[in-house]
Amino acid sequence: MKIEITWTPAQLKTVSTANEENTIAVVVDVLRATTCMACALYNGAEVVIPAYSHDEARQLRLCYPGALLCGEVNHLKPQDFDLGNSPKDFTSRAVKNRTLIHASSNGTKAIVAIFAAGVKKIYTGCFAQLSVLTEALEHDLKEKFPSKLLLAAAGSQDGASYEDLLFISCLLYRLGMKHPVISLWRACDPKRLFEHLSMSKNGRALVKKGLVADVLFAASIDTCPVLTRVCEKGFVVAWK
């Protein structure tokens, strides 16, 4: 099985579309889109619809009246959106039984791009759901014999994101696989995960904006034990 890791949004354009039906993908945006999705679906949201842009999100709401608009611009909630891109926004009281339309700078774009490439099995991943995702992948690798495991770090507009690659490193380590990127996790003290994330470029930016709680939540392992997967419509759902 081939392991393919994309580090930046631009690399998603080069993902091969050959034999994508036999590919398993995991989209990772630890700070913060995939962490928010795990939190939302764990707290009872019906579905999360990823949008490529804020304008697309606004157009989608015309098709889904009553849906909540979620997302960020420069880390903060747009004025006309209902929720931002902070895990603390996605409480049970706010999202239970609701449809969410989510537009973030990188994470939702990555989901849309990989779905458009024809990949049939796409998970989203973060530390908050690490163990359930690991268990699902262990099952898939044993029973489905995929030809490729695509690990897509959402990154940032100007390059790779350390926190996403660190999660990918941790995931591969837990799966017992061999890959050079695993050295990142081996060099990390799991008890100091918050410090590692807060020292990343995105982590520093969030701390500067007063969003330390977001980084702390993103660094908490297995706080939202729900398996999140993209369904046939391209929506992110809690997978049973």
C-alpha atoms as a PDB file:
ATOM      1  CA  MET A   1       0.000   0.000   0.000  1.00  0.00           C
ATOM      2  CA  LYS A   2       1.243   3.455  -0.905  1.00  0.00           C
ATOM      3  CA  ILE A   3       1.231   6.211   1.713  1.00  0.00           C
ATOM      4  CA  GLU A   4       0.803   9.674   0.205  1.00  0.00           C
ATOM      5  CA  ILE A   5       1.021  12.817   2.319  1.00  0.00           C
ATOM      6  CA  THR A   6       0.059  16.242   1.046  1.00  0.00           C
ATOM      7  CA  TRP A   7       1.503  19.098   3.069  1.00  0.00           C
ATOM      8  CA  THR A   8      -0.121  22.178   1.530  1.00  0.00           C
ATOM      9  CA  PRO A   9      -3.394  23.147  -0.200  1.00  0.00           C
ATOM     10  CA  ALA A  10      -1.565  23.517  -3.515  1.00  0.00           C
ATOM     11  CA  GLN A  11      -0.456  19.882  -3.433  1.00  0.00           C
ATOM     12  CA  LEU A  12      -4.062  18.694  -3.464  1.00  0.00           C
ATOM     13  CA  LYS A  13      -4.204  19.753  -7.113  1.00  0.00           C
ATOM     14  CA  THR A  14      -1.557  17.147  -7.914  1.00  0.00           C
ATOM     15  CA  VAL A  15      -3.302  14.214  -6.235  1.00  0.00           C
ATOM     16  CA  SER A  16      -3.646  11.431  -8.773  1.00  0.00           C
ATOM     17  CA  THR A  17      -7.222  10.645  -9.717  1.00  0.00           C
ATOM     18  CA  ALA A  18      -6.276   7.134 -10.883  1.00  0.00           C
ATOM     19  CA  ASN A  19      -7.893   4.300  -8.914  1.00  0.00           C
ATOM     20  CA  GLU A  20      -9.239   6.688  -6.278  1.00  0.00           C
ATOM     21  CA  GLU A  21     -12.082   4.286  -5.540  1.00  0.00           C
ATOM     22  CA  ASN A  22      -9.515   2.109  -3.767  1.00  0.00           C
ATOM     23  CA  THR A  23      -8.013   4.996  -1.789  1.00  0.00           C
ATOM     24  CA  ILE A  24      -8.655   5.857   1.837  1.00  0.00           C
ATOM     25  CA  ALA A  25      -8.120   9.526   2.691  1.00  0.00           C
ATOM     26  CA  VAL A  26      -7.877  11.398   5.978  1.00  0.00           C
ATOM     27  CA  VAL A  27      -8.183  15.191   5.927  1.00  0.00           C
ATOM     28  CA  VAL A  28      -6.469  16.907   8.853  1.00  0.00           C
ATOM     29  CA  ASP A  29      -6.905  20.507  10.022  1.00  0.00           C
ATOM     30  CA  VAL A  30      -6.130  20.325  13.728  1.00  0.00           C
ATOM     31  CA  LEU A  31      -6.246  24.124  14.125  1.00  0.00           C
ATOM     32  CA  ARG A  32      -9.166  24.122  13.698  1.00  0.00           C
ATOM     33  CA  ALA A  33     -11.712  22.894  11.148  1.00  0.00           C
ATOM     34  CA  THR A  34     -11.566  19.121  11.665  1.00  0.00           C
ATOM     35  CA  THR A  35     -11.430  19.600  15.436  1.00  0.00           C
ATOM     36  CA  CYS A  36     -14.596  21.714  15.219  1.00  0.00           C
ATOM     37  CA  MET A  37     -16.310  19.077  13.067  1.00  0.00           C
ATOM     38  CA  ALA A  38     -15.520  16.348  15.580  1.00  0.00           C
ATOM     39  CA  CYS A  39     -16.825  18.544  18.380  1.00  0.00           C
ATOM     40  CA  ALA A  40     -19.998  19.440  16.485  1.00  0.00           C
ATOM     41  CA  LEU A  41     -20.885  15.893  15.479  1.00  0.00           C
ATOM     42  CA  TYR A  42     -20.026  14.523  18.918  1.00  0.00           C
ATOM     43  CA  ASN A  43     -22.422  17.097  20.393  1.00  0.00           C
ATOM     44  CA  GLY A  44     -25.267  16.013  18.147  1.00  0.00           C
ATOM     45  CA  ALA A  45     -25.063  18.055  14.942  1.00  0.00           C
ATOM     46  CA  GLU A  46     -26.924  16.346  12.123  1.00  0.00           C
ATOM     47  CA  VAL A  47     -24.399  17.015   9.383  1.00  0.00           C
ATOM     48  CA  VAL A  48     -21.564  19.378   8.451  1.00  0.00           C
ATOM     49  CA  ILE A  49     -21.538  20.618   4.864  1.00  0.00           C
ATOM     50  CA  PRO A  50     -18.026  21.761   3.875  1.00  0.00           C
ATOM     51  CA  ALA A  51     -17.911  24.809   1.618  1.00  0.00           C
ATOM     52  CA  TYR A  52     -14.986  25.909  -0.530  1.00  0.00           C
ATOM     53  CA  SER A  53     -15.540  29.589   0.209  1.00  0.00           C
ATOM     54  CA  HIS A  54     -17.591  31.915   2.382  1.00  0.00           C
ATOM     55  CA  ASP A  55     -19.677  32.983  -0.596  1.00  0.00           C
ATOM     56  CA  GLU A  56     -20.391  29.354  -1.453  1.00  0.00           C
ATOM     57  CA  ALA A  57     -21.465  28.803   2.158  1.00  0.00           C
ATOM     58  CA  ARG A  58     -23.902  31.695   1.924  1.00  0.00           C
ATOM     59  CA  GLN A  59     -25.322  30.279  -1.331  1.00  0.00           C
ATOM     60  CA  LEU A  60     -25.661  26.823   0.209  1.00  0.00           C
ATOM     61  CA  ARG A  61     -27.780  28.201   3.022  1.00  0.00           C
ATOM     62  CA  LEU A  62     -30.370  29.203   0.426  1.00  0.00           C
ATOM     63  CA  CYS A  63     -30.727  25.470  -0.259  1.00  0.00           C
ATOM     64  CA  TYR A  64     -30.759  24.542   3.437  1.00  0.00           C
ATOM     65  CA  PRO A  65     -32.928  27.085   5.273  1.00  0.00           C
ATOM     66  CA  GLY A  66     -32.231  27.045   8.975  1.00  0.00           C
ATOM     67  CA  ALA A  67     -28.693  25.766   8.601  1.00  0.00           C
ATOM     68  CA  LEU A  68     -26.008  27.439  10.693  1.00  0.00           C
ATOM     69  CA  LEU A  69     -23.159  29.204   8.916  1.00  0.00           C
ATOM     70  CA  CYS A  70     -19.793  28.438  10.522  1.00  0.00           C
ATOM     71  CA  GLY A  71     -16.303  29.618   9.685  1.00  0.00           C
ATOM     72  CA  GLU A  72     -13.608  32.217  10.027  1.00  0.00           C
ATOM     73  CA  VAL A  73     -11.745  35.041   8.356  1.00  0.00           C
ATOM     74  CA  ASN A  74      -8.319  35.679   9.843  1.00  0.00           C
ATOM     75  CA  HIS A  75      -9.259  33.296  12.679  1.00  0.00           C
ATOM     76  CA  LEU A  76     -12.426  35.208  13.661  1.00  0.00           C
ATOM     77  CA  LYS A  77     -16.126  34.699  12.895  1.00  0.00           C
ATOM     78  CA  PRO A  78     -17.501  36.676   9.922  1.00  0.00           C
ATOM     79  CA  GLN A  79     -20.173  39.125  11.058  1.00  0.00           C
ATOM     80  CA  ASP A  80     -23.000  37.414   9.177  1.00  0.00           C
ATOM     81  CA  PHE A  81     -22.091  33.878  10.323  1.00  0.00           C
ATOM     82  CA  ASP A  82     -23.769  32.103  13.222  1.00  0.00           C
ATOM     83  CA  LEU A  83     -20.700  30.343  14.617  1.00  0.00           C
ATOM     84  CA  GLY A  84     -16.979  30.818  14.243  1.00  0.00           C
ATOM     85  CA  ASN A  85     -14.254  28.213  13.924  1.00  0.00           C
ATOM     86  CA  SER A  86     -13.675  27.642  17.644  1.00  0.00           C
ATOM     87  CA  PRO A  87     -14.494  24.278  19.261  1.00  0.00           C
ATOM     88  CA  LYS A  88     -16.154  26.110  22.153  1.00  0.00           C
ATOM     89  CA  ASP A  89     -18.809  27.390  19.728  1.00  0.00           C
ATOM     90  CA  PHE A  90     -20.028  23.889  18.911  1.00  0.00           C
ATOM     91  CA  THR A  91     -21.837  23.047  22.124  1.00  0.00           C
ATOM     92  CA  SER A  92     -24.752  20.630  22.268  1.00  0.00           C
ATOM     93  CA  ARG A  93     -27.073  23.552  22.932  1.00  0.00           C
ATOM     94  CA  ALA A  94     -25.882  25.333  19.784  1.00  0.00           C
ATOM     95  CA  VAL A  95     -25.663  22.472  17.281  1.00  0.00           C
ATOM     96  CA  LYS A  96     -27.773  19.488  18.352  1.00  0.00           C
ATOM     97  CA  ASN A  97     -29.924  18.241  15.447  1.00  0.00           C
ATOM     98  CA  ARG A  98     -28.776  21.159  13.287  1.00  0.00           C
ATOM     99  CA  THR A  99     -27.272  21.257   9.810  1.00  0.00           C
ATOM    100  CA  LEU A 100     -24.003  23.187   9.713  1.00  0.00           C
ATOM    101  CA  ILE A 101     -22.400  24.800   6.666  1.00  0.00           C
ATOM    102  CA  HIS A 102     -18.702  25.247   7.362  1.00  0.00           C
ATOM    103  CA  ALA A 103     -16.215  27.399   5.439  1.00  0.00           C
ATOM    104  CA  SER A 104     -12.666  27.647   6.776  1.00  0.00           C
ATOM    105  CA  SER A 105      -9.472  28.934   5.214  1.00  0.00           C
ATOM    106  CA  ASN A 106      -7.991  25.506   4.453  1.00  0.00           C
ATOM    107  CA  GLY A 107      -9.678  22.487   6.019  1.00  0.00           C
ATOM    108  CA  THR A 108     -13.021  22.625   4.244  1.00  0.00           C
ATOM    109  CA  LYS A 109     -11.260  23.382   0.958  1.00  0.00           C
ATOM    110  CA  ALA A 110      -9.226  20.197   1.360  1.00  0.00           C
ATOM    111  CA  ILE A 111     -12.345  18.095   1.960  1.00  0.00           C
ATOM    112  CA  VAL A 112     -14.088  19.550  -1.095  1.00  0.00           C
ATOM    113  CA  ALA A 113     -11.007  19.013  -3.293  1.00  0.00           C
ATOM    114  CA  ILE A 114     -10.467  15.380  -2.295  1.00  0.00           C
ATOM    115  CA  PHE A 115     -14.153  14.560  -2.679  1.00  0.00           C
ATOM    116  CA  ALA A 116     -14.098  16.149  -6.135  1.00  0.00           C
ATOM    117  CA  ALA A 117     -11.084  13.972  -7.051  1.00  0.00           C
ATOM    118  CA  GLY A 118     -13.299  10.918  -6.708  1.00  0.00           C
ATOM    119  CA  VAL A 119     -12.036   9.449  -3.436  1.00  0.00           C
ATOM    120  CA  LYS A 120     -14.862   7.329  -2.032  1.00  0.00           C
ATOM    121  CA  LYS A 121     -13.736   6.884   1.558  1.00  0.00           C
ATOM    122  CA  ILE A 122     -12.716  10.119   3.283  1.00  0.00           C
ATOM    123  CA  TYR A 123     -12.340  10.558   7.017  1.00  0.00           C
ATOM    124  CA  THR A 124     -11.586  13.764   8.875  1.00  0.00           C
ATOM    125  CA  GLY A 125      -9.116  13.615  11.721  1.00  0.00           C
ATOM    126  CA  CYS A 126      -7.836  15.429  14.802  1.00  0.00           C
ATOM    127  CA  PHE A 127      -6.416  14.605  18.227  1.00  0.00           C
ATOM    128  CA  ALA A 128      -9.870  14.871  19.809  1.00  0.00           C
ATOM    129  CA  GLN A 129     -10.931  11.695  17.978  1.00  0.00           C
ATOM    130  CA  LEU A 130      -7.556   9.967  17.608  1.00  0.00           C
ATOM    131  CA  SER A 131      -8.398   6.536  18.999  1.00  0.00           C
ATOM    132  CA  VAL A 132     -11.689   5.966  17.145  1.00  0.00           C
ATOM    133  CA  LEU A 133     -10.066   7.035  13.879  1.00  0.00           C
ATOM    134  CA  THR A 134      -7.108   4.744  14.487  1.00  0.00           C
ATOM    135  CA  GLU A 135      -9.438   1.800  15.146  1.00  0.00           C
ATOM    136  CA  ALA A 136     -11.421   2.482  11.962  1.00  0.00           C
ATOM    137  CA  LEU A 137      -8.278   2.671   9.853  1.00  0.00           C
ATOM    138  CA  GLU A 138      -6.875  -0.509  11.405  1.00  0.00           C
ATOM    139  CA  HIS A 139     -10.081  -2.279  10.366  1.00  0.00           C
ATOM    140  CA  ASP A 140     -10.035  -0.816   6.860  1.00  0.00           C
ATOM    141  CA  LEU A 141      -6.390  -1.683   6.265  1.00  0.00           C
ATOM    142  CA  LYS A 142      -6.967  -5.247   7.420  1.00  0.00           C
ATOM    143  CA  GLU A 143     -10.270  -5.881   5.639  1.00  0.00           C
ATOM    144  CA  LYS A 144     -10.367  -3.577   2.597  1.00  0.00           C
ATOM    145  CA  PHE A 145      -6.792  -3.784   1.307  1.00  0.00           C
ATOM    146  CA  PRO A 146      -6.664  -0.203  -0.071  1.00  0.00           C
ATOM    147  CA  SER A 147      -4.058   0.638  -2.685  1.00  0.00           C
ATOM    148  CA  LYS A 148      -3.319   4.022  -1.127  1.00  0.00           C
ATOM    149  CA  LEU A 149      -3.643   5.850   2.170  1.00  0.00           C
ATOM    150  CA  LEU A 150      -3.854   9.567   1.439  1.00  0.00           C
ATOM    151  CA  LEU A 151      -3.142  11.799   4.433  1.00  0.00           C
ATOM    152  CA  ALA A 152      -4.010  15.388   3.582  1.00  0.00           C
ATOM    153  CA  ALA A 153      -2.671  18.069   5.886  1.00  0.00           C
ATOM    154  CA  ALA A 154      -4.783  21.158   5.242  1.00  0.00           C
ATOM    155  CA  GLY A 155      -1.729  23.362   5.782  1.00  0.00           C
ATOM    156  CA  SER A 156      -1.958  27.089   5.342  1.00  0.00           C
ATOM    157  CA  GLN A 157      -1.967  29.418   2.385  1.00  0.00           C
ATOM    158  CA  ASP A 158       1.803  29.855   2.474  1.00  0.00           C
ATOM    159  CA  GLY A 159       2.975  26.374   3.358  1.00  0.00           C
ATOM    160  CA  ALA A 160       2.786  23.331   5.605  1.00  0.00           C
ATOM    161  CA  SER A 161       1.335  23.337   9.109  1.00  0.00           C
ATOM    162  CA  TYR A 162       3.337  21.636  11.834  1.00  0.00           C
ATOM    163  CA  GLU A 163       0.288  20.663  13.879  1.00  0.00           C
ATOM    164  CA  ASP A 164      -1.300  18.749  10.989  1.00  0.00           C
ATOM    165  CA  LEU A 165       1.899  16.901  10.166  1.00  0.00           C
ATOM    166  CA  LEU A 166       2.356  16.098  13.855  1.00  0.00           C
ATOM    167  CA  PHE A 167      -1.100  14.506  13.922  1.00  0.00           C
ATOM    168  CA  ILE A 168      -0.362  12.530  10.763  1.00  0.00           C
ATOM    169  CA  SER A 169       2.900  11.387  12.339  1.00  0.00           C
ATOM    170  CA  CYS A 170       1.028  10.281  15.471  1.00  0.00           C
ATOM    171  CA  LEU A 171      -1.610   8.445  13.423  1.00  0.00           C
ATOM    172  CA  LEU A 172       0.977   6.507  11.406  1.00  0.00           C
ATOM    173  CA  TYR A 173       2.839   5.682  14.608  1.00  0.00           C
ATOM    174  CA  ARG A 174      -0.325   4.285  16.183  1.00  0.00           C
ATOM    175  CA  LEU A 175      -1.020   2.265  13.033  1.00  0.00           C
ATOM    176  CA  GLY A 176       2.432   0.708  13.320  1.00  0.00           C
ATOM    177  CA  MET A 177       3.557   1.955   9.928  1.00  0.00           C
ATOM    178  CA  LYS A 178       6.978   3.066   8.773  1.00  0.00           C
ATOM    179  CA  HIS A 179       7.423   6.542   7.302  1.00  0.00           C
ATOM    180  CA  PRO A 180       9.998   9.329   7.824  1.00  0.00           C
ATOM    181  CA  VAL A 181       7.326  11.727   9.110  1.00  0.00           C
ATOM    182  CA  ILE A 182       6.862   9.536  12.207  1.00  0.00           C
ATOM    183  CA  SER A 183      10.038  11.104  13.576  1.00  0.00           C
ATOM    184  CA  LEU A 184       7.940  14.190  14.411  1.00  0.00           C
ATOM    185  CA  TRP A 185       5.802  12.253  16.877  1.00  0.00           C
ATOM    186  CA  ARG A 186       8.757  10.382  18.335  1.00  0.00           C
ATOM    187  CA  ALA A 187      10.347  13.743  19.139  1.00  0.00           C
ATOM    188  CA  CYS A 188       7.143  14.995  20.795  1.00  0.00           C
ATOM    189  CA  ASP A 189       6.242  14.598  24.447  1.00  0.00           C
ATOM    190  CA  PRO A 190       2.489  13.792  24.382  1.00  0.00           C
ATOM    191  CA  LYS A 191       2.128  15.331  27.834  1.00  0.00           C
ATOM    192  CA  ARG A 192       3.305  18.626  26.343  1.00  0.00           C
ATOM    193  CA  LEU A 193       1.125  18.493  23.232  1.00  0.00           C
ATOM    194  CA  PHE A 194      -0.427  21.876  23.994  1.00  0.00           C
ATOM    195  CA  GLU A 195       3.047  23.440  24.045  1.00  0.00           C
ATOM    196  CA  HIS A 196       3.886  21.838  20.708  1.00  0.00           C
ATOM    197  CA  LEU A 197       0.707  23.124  19.065  1.00  0.00           C
ATOM    198  CA  SER A 198       0.983  26.584  20.601  1.00  0.00           C
ATOM    199  CA  MET A 199       4.503  26.937  19.180  1.00  0.00           C
ATOM    200  CA  SER A 200       3.332  26.245  15.628  1.00  0.00           C
ATOM    201  CA  LYS A 201       2.702  29.179  13.306  1.00  0.00           C
ATOM    202  CA  ASN A 202      -1.074  28.728  13.445  1.00  0.00           C
ATOM    203  CA  GLY A 203      -0.956  28.116  17.178  1.00  0.00           C
ATOM    204  CA  ARG A 204       0.973  31.329  17.784  1.00  0.00           C
ATOM    205  CA  ALA A 205      -1.521  33.261  15.669  1.00  0.00           C
ATOM    206  CA  LEU A 206      -4.455  31.901  17.671  1.00  0.00           C
ATOM    207  CA  VAL A 207      -2.778  32.682  20.982  1.00  0.00           C
ATOM    208  CA  LYS A 208      -2.121  36.213  19.762  1.00  0.00           C
ATOM    209  CA  LYS A 209      -5.843  36.567  18.969  1.00  0.00           C
ATOM    210  CA  GLY A 210      -6.742  35.468  22.491  1.00  0.00           C
ATOM    211  CA  LEU A 211      -7.859  31.995  21.380  1.00  0.00           C
ATOM    212  CA  VAL A 212      -5.637  29.974  23.690  1.00  0.00           C
ATOM    213  CA  ALA A 213      -8.624  27.790  24.633  1.00  0.00           C
ATOM    214  CA  ASP A 214      -8.912  26.635  21.023  1.00  0.00           C
ATOM    215  CA  VAL A 215      -5.317  25.411  21.000  1.00  0.00           C
ATOM    216  CA  LEU A 216      -5.804  23.712  24.359  1.00  0.00           C
ATOM    217  CA  PHE A 217      -8.912  21.905  23.115  1.00  0.00           C
ATOM    218  CA  ALA A 218      -7.170  20.842  19.905  1.00  0.00           C
ATOM    219  CA  ALA A 219      -4.339  19.376  21.984  1.00  0.00           C
ATOM    220  CA  SER A 220      -6.684  17.232  24.091  1.00  0.00           C
ATOM    221  CA  ILE A 221      -6.679  13.592  22.991  1.00  0.00           C
ATOM    222  CA  ASP A 222      -9.948  11.639  22.660  1.00  0.00           C
ATOM    223  CA  THR A 223     -12.243  14.333  24.063  1.00  0.00           C
ATOM    224  CA  CYS A 224     -14.681  13.823  21.153  1.00  0.00           C
ATOM    225  CA  PRO A 225     -14.665  10.070  20.437  1.00  0.00           C
ATOM    226  CA  VAL A 226     -16.724  10.137  17.263  1.00  0.00           C
ATOM    227  CA  LEU A 227     -15.754   8.790  13.844  1.00  0.00           C
ATOM    228  CA  THR A 228     -16.336  11.464  11.197  1.00  0.00           C
ATOM    229  CA  ARG A 229     -16.534  10.573   7.523  1.00  0.00           C
ATOM    230  CA  VAL A 230     -17.602  12.187   4.259  1.00  0.00           C
ATOM    231  CA  CYS A 231     -20.798  10.604   2.945  1.00  0.00           C
ATOM    232  CA  GLU A 232     -21.836  10.135  -0.682  1.00  0.00           C
ATOM    233  CA  LYS A 233     -23.209  13.706  -0.818  1.00  0.00           C
ATOM    234  CA  GLY A 234     -19.878  15.200   0.227  1.00  0.00           C
ATOM    235  CA  PHE A 235     -21.146  16.050   3.732  1.00  0.00           C
ATOM    236  CA  VAL A 236     -19.281  15.189   6.932  1.00  0.00           C
ATOM    237  CA  VAL A 237     -21.303  12.956   9.255  1.00  0.00           C
ATOM    238  CA  ALA A 238     -20.870  10.882  12.394  1.00  0.00           C
ATOM    239  CA  TRP A 239     -20.204   7.411  11.041  1.00  0.00           C
ATOM    240  CA  LYS A 240     -21.747   4.476  12.905  1.00  0.00           C
END
